[in-house]
PDB file of N, CA and C in Angstrom:
ATOM      1  N   MET A   1      25.828 -52.261 -58.736  1.00  0.00           N
ATOM      2  CA  MET A   1      25.337 -51.212 -57.870  1.00  0.00           C
ATOM      3  C   MET A   1      25.153 -51.757 -56.462  1.00  0.00           C
ATOM      4  N   GLU A   2      25.676 -51.038 -55.501  1.00  0.00           N
ATOM      5  CA  GLU A   2      25.446 -51.408 -54.113  1.00  0.00           C
ATOM      6  C   GLU A   2      24.006 -51.077 -53.749  1.00  0.00           C
ATOM      7  N   ARG A   3      23.499 -51.804 -52.828  1.00  0.00           N
ATOM      8  CA  ARG A   3      22.128 -51.576 -52.378  1.00  0.00           C
ATOM      9  C   ARG A   3      22.030 -50.279 -51.571  1.00  0.00           C
ATOM     10  N   LEU A   4      20.960 -49.530 -51.815  1.00  0.00           N
ATOM     11  CA  LEU A   4      20.728 -48.292 -51.080  1.00  0.00           C
ATOM     12  C   LEU A   4      19.905 -48.590 -49.827  1.00  0.00           C
ATOM     13  N   SER A   5      20.179 -47.819 -48.776  1.00  0.00           N
ATOM     14  CA  SER A   5      19.376 -47.946 -47.562  1.00  0.00           C
ATOM     15  C   SER A   5      17.984 -47.365 -47.826  1.00  0.00           C
ATOM     16  N   GLU A   6      17.083 -47.627 -46.920  1.00  0.00           N
ATOM     17  CA  GLU A   6      15.716 -47.091 -47.055  1.00  0.00           C
ATOM     18  C   GLU A   6      15.748 -45.565 -47.142  1.00  0.00           C
ATOM     19  N   ARG A   7      16.538 -44.916 -46.286  1.00  0.00           N
ATOM     20  CA  ARG A   7      16.646 -43.449 -46.296  1.00  0.00           C
ATOM     21  C   ARG A   7      17.247 -42.971 -47.614  1.00  0.00           C
ATOM     22  N   GLU A   8      18.269 -43.663 -48.109  1.00  0.00           N
ATOM     23  CA  GLU A   8      18.876 -43.277 -49.387  1.00  0.00           C
ATOM     24  C   GLU A   8      17.883 -43.425 -50.532  1.00  0.00           C
ATOM     25  N   ARG A   9      17.084 -44.482 -50.520  1.00  0.00           N
ATOM     26  CA  ARG A   9      16.056 -44.645 -51.558  1.00  0.00           C
ATOM     27  C   ARG A   9      15.038 -43.518 -51.480  1.00  0.00           C
ATOM     28  N   GLN A  10      14.683 -43.134 -50.273  1.00  0.00           N
ATOM     29  CA  GLN A  10      13.733 -42.041 -50.069  1.00  0.00           C
ATOM     30  C   GLN A  10      14.303 -40.738 -50.633  1.00  0.00           C
ATOM     31  N   ILE A  11      15.546 -40.451 -50.326  1.00  0.00           N
ATOM     32  CA  ILE A  11      16.187 -39.234 -50.818  1.00  0.00           C
ATOM     33  C   ILE A  11      16.367 -39.299 -52.329  1.00  0.00           C
ATOM     34  N   ALA A  12      16.761 -40.450 -52.846  1.00  0.00           N
ATOM     35  CA  ALA A  12      16.940 -40.605 -54.294  1.00  0.00           C
ATOM     36  C   ALA A  12      15.641 -40.332 -55.039  1.00  0.00           C
ATOM     37  N   SER A  13      14.525 -40.789 -54.508  1.00  0.00           N
ATOM     38  CA  SER A  13      13.250 -40.550 -55.189  1.00  0.00           C
ATOM     39  C   SER A  13      12.888 -39.069 -55.163  1.00  0.00           C
ATOM     40  N   LEU A  14      13.248 -38.369 -54.102  1.00  0.00           N
ATOM     41  CA  LEU A  14      12.997 -36.928 -54.045  1.00  0.00           C
ATOM     42  C   LEU A  14      13.914 -36.178 -55.012  1.00  0.00           C
ATOM     43  N   ILE A  15      15.147 -36.643 -55.161  1.00  0.00           N
ATOM     44  CA  ILE A  15      16.053 -36.055 -56.152  1.00  0.00           C
ATOM     45  C   ILE A  15      15.467 -36.241 -57.543  1.00  0.00           C
ATOM     46  N   ALA A  16      15.002 -37.448 -57.829  1.00  0.00           N
ATOM     47  CA  ALA A  16      14.418 -37.740 -59.143  1.00  0.00           C
ATOM     48  C   ALA A  16      13.178 -36.888 -59.399  1.00  0.00           C
ATOM     49  N   ALA A  17      12.494 -36.488 -58.327  1.00  0.00           N
ATOM     50  CA  ALA A  17      11.309 -35.636 -58.456  1.00  0.00           C
ATOM     51  C   ALA A  17      11.684 -34.164 -58.595  1.00  0.00           C
ATOM     52  N   GLY A  18      12.994 -33.879 -58.585  1.00  0.00           N
ATOM     53  CA  GLY A  18      13.459 -32.513 -58.820  1.00  0.00           C
ATOM     54  C   GLY A  18      13.646 -31.668 -57.576  1.00  0.00           C
ATOM     55  N   GLN A  19      13.627 -32.284 -56.404  1.00  0.00           N
ATOM     56  CA  GLN A  19      13.783 -31.517 -55.170  1.00  0.00           C
ATOM     57  C   GLN A  19      15.253 -31.201 -54.907  1.00  0.00           C
ATOM     58  N   SER A  20      15.501 -30.023 -54.362  1.00  0.00           N
ATOM     59  CA  SER A  20      16.855 -29.600 -54.010  1.00  0.00           C
ATOM     60  C   SER A  20      17.223 -30.161 -52.636  1.00  0.00           C
ATOM     61  N   ASN A  21      18.504 -30.085 -52.296  1.00  0.00           N
ATOM     62  CA  ASN A  21      18.943 -30.554 -50.982  1.00  0.00           C
ATOM     63  C   ASN A  21      18.218 -29.830 -49.847  1.00  0.00           C
ATOM     64  N   PRO A  22      18.096 -28.482 -49.894  1.00  0.00           N
ATOM     65  CA  PRO A  22      17.365 -27.804 -48.814  1.00  0.00           C
ATOM     66  C   PRO A  22      15.895 -28.245 -48.725  1.00  0.00           C
ATOM     67  N   GLU A  23      15.269 -28.485 -49.860  1.00  0.00           N
ATOM     68  CA  GLU A  23      13.875 -28.948 -49.856  1.00  0.00           C
ATOM     69  C   GLU A  23      13.770 -30.340 -49.236  1.00  0.00           C
ATOM     70  N   ILE A  24      14.709 -31.212 -49.596  1.00  0.00           N
ATOM     71  CA  ILE A  24      14.719 -32.568 -49.043  1.00  0.00           C
ATOM     72  C   ILE A  24      14.958 -32.510 -47.536  1.00  0.00           C
ATOM     73  N   ALA A  25      15.912 -31.688 -47.120  1.00  0.00           N
ATOM     74  CA  ALA A  25      16.220 -31.560 -45.692  1.00  0.00           C
ATOM     75  C   ALA A  25      14.989 -31.109 -44.909  1.00  0.00           C
ATOM     76  N   SER A  26      14.300 -30.126 -45.428  1.00  0.00           N
ATOM     77  CA  SER A  26      13.106 -29.616 -44.757  1.00  0.00           C
ATOM     78  C   SER A  26      12.004 -30.668 -44.704  1.00  0.00           C
ATOM     79  N   ARG A  27      11.803 -31.339 -45.802  1.00  0.00           N
ATOM     80  CA  ARG A  27      10.728 -32.334 -45.890  1.00  0.00           C
ATOM     81  C   ARG A  27      10.958 -33.529 -44.961  1.00  0.00           C
ATOM     82  N   LEU A  28      12.229 -33.947 -44.847  1.00  0.00           N
ATOM     83  CA  LEU A  28      12.547 -35.138 -44.054  1.00  0.00           C
ATOM     84  C   LEU A  28      13.068 -34.810 -42.649  1.00  0.00           C
ATOM     85  N   PHE A  29      13.064 -33.515 -42.299  1.00  0.00           N
ATOM     86  CA  PHE A  29      13.540 -33.070 -40.985  1.00  0.00           C
ATOM     87  C   PHE A  29      14.982 -33.504 -40.730  1.00  0.00           C
ATOM     88  N   LEU A  30      15.836 -33.267 -41.739  1.00  0.00           N
ATOM     89  CA  LEU A  30      17.263 -33.571 -41.651  1.00  0.00           C
ATOM     90  C   LEU A  30      18.047 -32.285 -41.837  1.00  0.00           C
ATOM     91  N   SER A  31      19.309 -32.287 -41.429  1.00  0.00           N
ATOM     92  CA  SER A  31      20.154 -31.130 -41.712  1.00  0.00           C
ATOM     93  C   SER A  31      20.590 -31.186 -43.177  1.00  0.00           C
ATOM     94  N   ARG A  32      20.949 -30.040 -43.713  1.00  0.00           N
ATOM     95  CA  ARG A  32      21.427 -30.002 -45.106  1.00  0.00           C
ATOM     96  C   ARG A  32      22.681 -30.853 -45.269  1.00  0.00           C
ATOM     97  N   LYS A  33      23.555 -30.815 -44.273  1.00  0.00           N
ATOM     98  CA  LYS A  33      24.794 -31.608 -44.339  1.00  0.00           C
ATOM     99  C   LYS A  33      24.485 -33.101 -44.401  1.00  0.00           C
ATOM    100  N   THR A  34      23.492 -33.539 -43.658  1.00  0.00           N
ATOM    101  CA  THR A  34      23.109 -34.951 -43.683  1.00  0.00           C
ATOM    102  C   THR A  34      22.601 -35.326 -45.066  1.00  0.00           C
ATOM    103  N   VAL A  35      21.784 -34.468 -45.645  1.00  0.00           N
ATOM    104  CA  VAL A  35      21.276 -34.725 -47.000  1.00  0.00           C
ATOM    105  C   VAL A  35      22.434 -34.753 -47.988  1.00  0.00           C
ATOM    106  N   GLU A  36      23.359 -33.803 -47.880  1.00  0.00           N
ATOM    107  CA  GLU A  36      24.518 -33.773 -48.781  1.00  0.00           C
ATOM    108  C   GLU A  36      25.310 -35.075 -48.683  1.00  0.00           C
ATOM    109  N   ARG A  37      25.493 -35.578 -47.471  1.00  0.00           N
ATOM    110  CA  ARG A  37      26.233 -36.833 -47.279  1.00  0.00           C
ATOM    111  C   ARG A  37      25.489 -37.998 -47.927  1.00  0.00           C
ATOM    112  N   HIS A  38      24.176 -38.043 -47.735  1.00  0.00           N
ATOM    113  CA  HIS A  38      23.379 -39.102 -48.359  1.00  0.00           C
ATOM    114  C   HIS A  38      23.455 -39.009 -49.883  1.00  0.00           C
ATOM    115  N   VAL A  39      23.357 -37.800 -50.417  1.00  0.00           N
ATOM    116  CA  VAL A  39      23.413 -37.625 -51.873  1.00  0.00           C
ATOM    117  C   VAL A  39      24.758 -38.111 -52.401  1.00  0.00           C
ATOM    118  N   SER A  40      25.838 -37.762 -51.729  1.00  0.00           N
ATOM    119  CA  SER A  40      27.168 -38.227 -52.150  1.00  0.00           C
ATOM    120  C   SER A  40      27.242 -39.747 -52.145  1.00  0.00           C
ATOM    121  N   ASN A  41      26.715 -40.365 -51.099  1.00  0.00           N
ATOM    122  CA  ASN A  41      26.711 -41.831 -51.020  1.00  0.00           C
ATOM    123  C   ASN A  41      25.872 -42.441 -52.136  1.00  0.00           C
ATOM    124  N   ILE A  42      24.721 -41.853 -52.398  1.00  0.00           N
ATOM    125  CA  ILE A  42      23.830 -42.362 -53.449  1.00  0.00           C
ATOM    126  C   ILE A  42      24.512 -42.282 -54.806  1.00  0.00           C
ATOM    127  N   LEU A  43      25.133 -41.141 -55.093  1.00  0.00           N
ATOM    128  CA  LEU A  43      25.816 -40.978 -56.382  1.00  0.00           C
ATOM    129  C   LEU A  43      26.932 -42.013 -56.522  1.00  0.00           C
ATOM    130  N   ALA A  44      27.704 -42.211 -55.460  1.00  0.00           N
ATOM    131  CA  ALA A  44      28.804 -43.180 -55.509  1.00  0.00           C
ATOM    132  C   ALA A  44      28.284 -44.600 -55.701  1.00  0.00           C
ATOM    133  N   ARG A  45      27.257 -44.960 -54.967  1.00  0.00           N
ATOM    134  CA  ARG A  45      26.734 -46.328 -55.039  1.00  0.00           C
ATOM    135  C   ARG A  45      26.066 -46.643 -56.368  1.00  0.00           C
ATOM    136  N   THR A  46      25.516 -45.633 -57.018  1.00  0.00           N
ATOM    137  CA  THR A  46      24.847 -45.868 -58.303  1.00  0.00           C
ATOM    138  C   THR A  46      25.773 -45.611 -59.487  1.00  0.00           C
ATOM    139  N   GLY A  47      26.967 -45.084 -59.212  1.00  0.00           N
ATOM    140  CA  GLY A  47      27.891 -44.774 -60.296  1.00  0.00           C
ATOM    141  C   GLY A  47      27.476 -43.548 -61.092  1.00  0.00           C
ATOM    142  N   SER A  48      26.649 -42.712 -60.494  1.00  0.00           N
ATOM    143  CA  SER A  48      26.174 -41.498 -61.159  1.00  0.00           C
ATOM    144  C   SER A  48      27.121 -40.347 -60.860  1.00  0.00           C
ATOM    145  N   ARG A  49      27.334 -39.485 -61.854  1.00  0.00           N
ATOM    146  CA  ARG A  49      28.211 -38.334 -61.662  1.00  0.00           C
ATOM    147  C   ARG A  49      27.467 -37.106 -61.162  1.00  0.00           C
ATOM    148  N   ASN A  50      26.152 -37.073 -61.374  1.00  0.00           N
ATOM    149  CA  ASN A  50      25.367 -35.915 -60.955  1.00  0.00           C
ATOM    150  C   ASN A  50      23.905 -36.321 -60.784  1.00  0.00           C
ATOM    151  N   ARG A  51      23.083 -35.372 -60.389  1.00  0.00           N
ATOM    152  CA  ARG A  51      21.675 -35.645 -60.107  1.00  0.00           C
ATOM    153  C   ARG A  51      20.907 -36.057 -61.360  1.00  0.00           C
ATOM    154  N   THR A  52      21.277 -35.493 -62.490  1.00  0.00           N
ATOM    155  CA  THR A  52      20.598 -35.850 -63.742  1.00  0.00           C
ATOM    156  C   THR A  52      20.866 -37.305 -64.089  1.00  0.00           C
ATOM    157  N   GLU A  53      22.118 -37.726 -63.988  1.00  0.00           N
ATOM    158  CA  GLU A  53      22.445 -39.134 -64.245  1.00  0.00           C
ATOM    159  C   GLU A  53      21.728 -40.041 -63.252  1.00  0.00           C
ATOM    160  N   LEU A  54      21.626 -39.599 -62.014  1.00  0.00           N
ATOM    161  CA  LEU A  54      20.928 -40.394 -61.010  1.00  0.00           C
ATOM    162  C   LEU A  54      19.457 -40.561 -61.389  1.00  0.00           C
ATOM    163  N   ALA A  55      18.819 -39.484 -61.826  1.00  0.00           N
ATOM    164  CA  ALA A  55      17.407 -39.567 -62.229  1.00  0.00           C
ATOM    165  C   ALA A  55      17.241 -40.540 -63.392  1.00  0.00           C
ATOM    166  N   ARG A  56      18.165 -40.492 -64.361  1.00  0.00           N
ATOM    167  CA  ARG A  56      18.117 -41.432 -65.491  1.00  0.00           C
ATOM    168  C   ARG A  56      18.310 -42.867 -65.011  1.00  0.00           C
ATOM    169  N   PHE A  57      19.256 -43.053 -64.129  1.00  0.00           N
ATOM    170  CA  PHE A  57      19.533 -44.375 -63.573  1.00  0.00           C
ATOM    171  C   PHE A  57      18.295 -44.929 -62.870  1.00  0.00           C
ATOM    172  N   LEU A  58      17.673 -44.113 -62.042  1.00  0.00           N
ATOM    173  CA  LEU A  58      16.489 -44.555 -61.301  1.00  0.00           C
ATOM    174  C   LEU A  58      15.341 -44.877 -62.238  1.00  0.00           C
ATOM    175  N   SER A  59      15.196 -44.081 -63.283  1.00  0.00           N
ATOM    176  CA  SER A  59      14.141 -44.331 -64.267  1.00  0.00           C
ATOM    177  C   SER A  59      14.376 -45.669 -64.960  1.00  0.00           C
ATOM    178  N   ALA A  60      15.617 -45.939 -65.330  1.00  0.00           N
ATOM    179  CA  ALA A  60      15.947 -47.205 -65.990  1.00  0.00           C
ATOM    180  C   ALA A  60      15.715 -48.381 -65.040  1.00  0.00           C
ATOM    181  N   GLN A  61      16.059 -48.208 -63.770  1.00  0.00           N
ATOM    182  CA  GLN A  61      15.843 -49.264 -62.775  1.00  0.00           C
ATOM    183  C   GLN A  61      14.358 -49.549 -62.602  1.00  0.00           C
ATOM    184  N   GLU A  62      13.572 -48.493 -62.583  1.00  0.00           N
ATOM    185  CA  GLU A  62      12.122 -48.651 -62.428  1.00  0.00           C
ATOM    186  C   GLU A  62      11.535 -49.394 -63.618  1.00  0.00           C
ATOM    187  N   LEU A  63      11.985 -49.030 -64.817  1.00  0.00           N
ATOM    188  CA  LEU A  63      11.480 -49.690 -66.018  1.00  0.00           C
ATOM    189  C   LEU A  63      11.882 -51.159 -66.054  1.00  0.00           C
ATOM    190  N   SER A  64      13.110 -51.449 -65.639  1.00  0.00           N
ATOM    191  CA  SER A  64      13.582 -52.836 -65.699  1.00  0.00           C
ATOM    192  C   SER A  64      12.957 -53.709 -64.610  1.00  0.00           C
ATOM    193  N   SER A  65      12.429 -53.091 -63.567  1.00  0.00           N
ATOM    194  CA  SER A  65      11.833 -53.886 -62.492  1.00  0.00           C
ATOM    195  C   SER A  65      10.332 -54.107 -62.678  1.00  0.00           C
ATOM    196  N   ARG A  66       9.751 -53.480 -63.687  1.00  0.00           N
ATOM    197  CA  ARG A  66       8.322 -53.675 -63.946  1.00  0.00           C
ATOM    198  C   ARG A  66       8.093 -55.033 -64.591  1.00  0.00           C
ATOM    199  N   PRO A  67       7.033 -55.695 -64.186  1.00  0.00           N
ATOM    200  CA  PRO A  67       6.734 -56.993 -64.813  1.00  0.00           C
ATOM    201  C   PRO A  67       6.310 -56.807 -66.267  1.00  0.00           C
ATOM    202  N   THR A  68       6.695 -57.759 -67.092  1.00  0.00           N
ATOM    203  CA  THR A  68       6.291 -57.703 -68.496  1.00  0.00           C
ATOM    204  C   THR A  68       4.942 -58.374 -68.657  1.00  0.00           C
ATOM    205  N   LYS A  69       4.250 -57.980 -69.686  1.00  0.00           N
ATOM    206  CA  LYS A  69       2.902 -58.532 -69.923  1.00  0.00           C
ATOM    207  C   LYS A  69       2.963 -59.876 -70.589  1.00  0.00           C
TER     208      LYS A  69
END
C-alpha cells in the first residue's frame, strides 16, 4: 500500500465513518470534484474497489497497528 497524504487519511476516516462525498466536501470546505479525486486516489492506493472495502481495509489497519498486551 502506498502511503496516504494527511488529507487523504482525513478523507478516508470520514468515508469509514459513513460520510458521503458531498458531506465530506462541506465539512472540509472542498469542492465535490476535489473529494472525488481524493477518493479515487485513496481507493487506488489501498487496492480497494469501493468504499465498503476501504472501510474494511482501514479497520484491519487500525487493528494491526494497535499494541498487543
